[in-house]
């Protein structure tokens, strides 16, 4: 399976990545950047909603 990663498996951080061809390949595409932002925001939203859920559950348990 072909996986198009953001940094090409560490190739961009190697000392050989000084050439213009490799530096052009190391830049993430716009869709990749958008996907990373979307996944990060989704994870934050999931974390925040789970914290709110736990707090409400504890509040209802204490109320009863």
N, C-alpha and C. Protein backbone atom coordinates (compact mmCIF):
# COMPACT_ATOMS: atom_id res chain seq x y z
N UNK A 1 0.84 -1.18 0.00
CA UNK A 1 0.00 0.00 0.00
C UNK A 1 0.89 1.24 0.00
N UNK A 2 0.49 2.24 -0.74
CA UNK A 2 1.24 3.48 -0.82
C UNK A 2 0.66 4.48 0.16
N UNK A 3 1.51 5.02 1.03
CA UNK A 3 1.08 6.00 2.00
C UNK A 3 1.85 7.29 1.75
N UNK A 4 1.14 8.36 1.50
CA UNK A 4 1.78 9.66 1.26
C UNK A 4 1.87 10.39 2.59
N UNK A 5 3.03 10.32 3.23
CA UNK A 5 3.20 10.93 4.54
C UNK A 5 3.60 12.39 4.41
N UNK A 6 3.63 13.07 5.53
CA UNK A 6 3.97 14.50 5.51
C UNK A 6 5.47 14.70 5.34
N UNK A 7 6.28 13.90 6.02
CA UNK A 7 7.73 14.10 5.96
C UNK A 7 8.46 12.96 5.26
N UNK A 8 7.78 12.13 4.55
CA UNK A 8 8.38 11.05 3.78
C UNK A 8 9.28 10.15 4.63
N UNK A 9 8.84 9.82 5.83
CA UNK A 9 9.55 8.87 6.68
C UNK A 9 10.90 9.33 7.17
N UNK A 10 11.08 10.59 7.47
CA UNK A 10 12.33 11.07 8.02
C UNK A 10 13.34 11.48 6.97
N UNK A 11 12.99 11.36 5.70
CA UNK A 11 13.92 11.74 4.63
C UNK A 11 14.21 13.23 4.66
N UNK A 12 13.23 14.02 5.07
CA UNK A 12 13.40 15.47 5.06
C UNK A 12 14.37 15.97 6.13
N UNK A 13 14.56 15.20 7.18
CA UNK A 13 15.46 15.63 8.24
C UNK A 13 16.88 15.09 8.05
N UNK A 14 17.14 14.39 6.96
CA UNK A 14 18.47 13.85 6.73
C UNK A 14 19.41 14.95 6.21
N UNK A 15 20.71 14.77 6.34
CA UNK A 15 21.65 15.79 5.84
C UNK A 15 21.64 15.91 4.32
N UNK A 16 21.11 14.91 3.63
CA UNK A 16 21.08 14.95 2.17
C UNK A 16 19.90 15.75 1.63
N UNK A 17 19.06 16.28 2.50
CA UNK A 17 17.85 16.97 2.07
C UNK A 17 18.10 18.45 1.79
N UNK A 18 19.32 18.81 1.42
CA UNK A 18 19.63 20.21 1.17
C UNK A 18 19.33 20.65 -0.25
N UNK A 19 19.15 19.71 -1.16
CA UNK A 19 18.91 20.07 -2.55
C UNK A 19 17.52 20.61 -2.80
N UNK A 20 17.34 21.33 -3.89
CA UNK A 20 16.03 21.92 -4.17
C UNK A 20 14.97 20.87 -4.51
N UNK A 21 15.39 19.76 -5.09
CA UNK A 21 14.41 18.73 -5.46
C UNK A 21 13.81 18.08 -4.22
N UNK A 22 14.67 17.71 -3.27
CA UNK A 22 14.16 17.09 -2.05
C UNK A 22 13.41 18.09 -1.18
N UNK A 23 13.83 19.34 -1.18
CA UNK A 23 13.10 20.32 -0.37
C UNK A 23 11.71 20.57 -0.95
N UNK A 24 11.55 20.46 -2.26
CA UNK A 24 10.21 20.60 -2.86
C UNK A 24 9.35 19.40 -2.49
N UNK A 25 9.95 18.23 -2.37
CA UNK A 25 9.18 17.03 -2.01
C UNK A 25 8.81 17.02 -0.53
N UNK A 26 9.56 17.73 0.29
CA UNK A 26 9.32 17.69 1.73
C UNK A 26 8.20 18.62 2.16
N UNK A 27 7.80 19.55 1.30
CA UNK A 27 6.70 20.44 1.67
C UNK A 27 5.39 19.68 1.62
N UNK A 28 4.59 19.74 2.67
CA UNK A 28 3.29 19.05 2.63
C UNK A 28 2.33 19.78 1.68
N UNK A 29 1.47 19.01 1.07
CA UNK A 29 0.47 19.59 0.17
C UNK A 29 -0.60 20.31 0.99
N UNK A 30 -1.39 21.12 0.33
CA UNK A 30 -2.44 21.86 1.02
C UNK A 30 -3.48 20.93 1.63
N UNK A 31 -3.79 19.86 0.92
CA UNK A 31 -4.77 18.91 1.44
C UNK A 31 -4.23 18.18 2.67
N UNK A 32 -2.93 17.90 2.67
CA UNK A 32 -2.33 17.25 3.84
C UNK A 32 -2.37 18.18 5.05
N UNK A 33 -2.05 19.44 4.85
CA UNK A 33 -2.08 20.40 5.96
C UNK A 33 -3.50 20.56 6.48
N UNK A 34 -4.47 20.62 5.58
CA UNK A 34 -5.86 20.75 6.00
C UNK A 34 -6.32 19.51 6.76
N UNK A 35 -5.89 18.34 6.31
CA UNK A 35 -6.26 17.11 7.00
C UNK A 35 -5.65 17.05 8.40
N UNK A 36 -4.40 17.49 8.53
CA UNK A 36 -3.76 17.50 9.85
C UNK A 36 -4.47 18.45 10.80
N UNK A 37 -4.83 19.63 10.31
CA UNK A 37 -5.55 20.60 11.15
C UNK A 37 -6.91 20.04 11.54
N UNK A 38 -7.61 19.44 10.57
CA UNK A 38 -8.93 18.88 10.85
C UNK A 38 -8.85 17.76 11.89
N UNK A 39 -7.87 16.87 11.76
CA UNK A 39 -7.73 15.78 12.73
C UNK A 39 -7.36 16.30 14.11
N UNK A 40 -6.49 17.31 14.17
CA UNK A 40 -6.10 17.88 15.45
C UNK A 40 -7.30 18.54 16.13
N UNK A 41 -8.08 19.32 15.37
CA UNK A 41 -9.25 19.97 15.94
C UNK A 41 -10.31 18.96 16.36
N UNK A 42 -10.47 17.90 15.58
CA UNK A 42 -11.42 16.86 15.93
C UNK A 42 -11.02 16.16 17.24
N UNK A 43 -9.73 15.91 17.41
CA UNK A 43 -9.26 15.29 18.64
C UNK A 43 -9.48 16.21 19.84
N UNK A 44 -9.23 17.51 19.66
CA UNK A 44 -9.47 18.46 20.74
C UNK A 44 -10.95 18.54 21.10
N UNK A 45 -11.81 18.54 20.09
CA UNK A 45 -13.25 18.58 20.33
C UNK A 45 -13.72 17.32 21.05
N UNK A 46 -13.18 16.17 20.67
CA UNK A 46 -13.51 14.92 21.32
C UNK A 46 -13.07 14.94 22.79
N UNK A 47 -11.88 15.44 23.05
CA UNK A 47 -11.37 15.52 24.42
C UNK A 47 -12.22 16.46 25.27
N UNK A 48 -12.55 17.62 24.72
CA UNK A 48 -13.36 18.60 25.46
C UNK A 48 -14.76 18.05 25.75
N UNK A 49 -15.36 17.39 24.78
CA UNK A 49 -16.71 16.85 25.01
C UNK A 49 -16.69 15.71 26.01
N UNK A 50 -15.63 14.91 26.02
CA UNK A 50 -15.57 13.83 27.01
C UNK A 50 -15.37 14.39 28.42
N UNK A 51 -14.61 15.48 28.55
CA UNK A 51 -14.44 16.10 29.87
C UNK A 51 -15.76 16.68 30.35
N UNK A 52 -16.50 17.33 29.46
CA UNK A 52 -17.81 17.88 29.83
C UNK A 52 -18.76 16.76 30.23
N UNK A 53 -18.72 15.66 29.48
CA UNK A 53 -19.59 14.52 29.80
C UNK A 53 -19.28 13.95 31.18
N UNK A 54 -18.01 13.78 31.49
CA UNK A 54 -17.63 13.21 32.80
C UNK A 54 -18.03 14.16 33.92
N UNK A 55 -17.84 15.47 33.70
CA UNK A 55 -18.22 16.44 34.74
C UNK A 55 -19.72 16.44 34.98
N UNK A 56 -20.50 16.37 33.90
CA UNK A 56 -21.96 16.34 34.05
C UNK A 56 -22.41 15.05 34.74
N UNK A 57 -21.77 13.94 34.40
CA UNK A 57 -22.11 12.66 35.01
C UNK A 57 -21.81 12.69 36.52
N UNK A 58 -20.66 13.25 36.88
CA UNK A 58 -20.32 13.35 38.31
C UNK A 58 -21.27 14.30 39.03
N UNK A 59 -21.67 15.38 38.38
CA UNK A 59 -22.60 16.33 38.97
C UNK A 59 -23.97 15.67 39.21
N UNK A 60 -24.44 14.90 38.24
CA UNK A 60 -25.73 14.21 38.39
C UNK A 60 -25.65 13.12 39.45
N UNK A 61 -24.52 12.43 39.54
CA UNK A 61 -24.36 11.40 40.56
C UNK A 61 -24.36 12.01 41.96
N UNK A 62 -23.73 13.19 42.10
CA UNK A 62 -23.70 13.85 43.41
C UNK A 62 -25.06 14.42 43.76
N UNK A 63 -25.82 14.82 42.75
CA UNK A 63 -27.14 15.38 42.99
C UNK A 63 -28.11 14.31 43.50
N UNK A 64 -27.96 13.09 43.02
CA UNK A 64 -28.84 12.01 43.43
C UNK A 64 -28.44 11.54 44.80
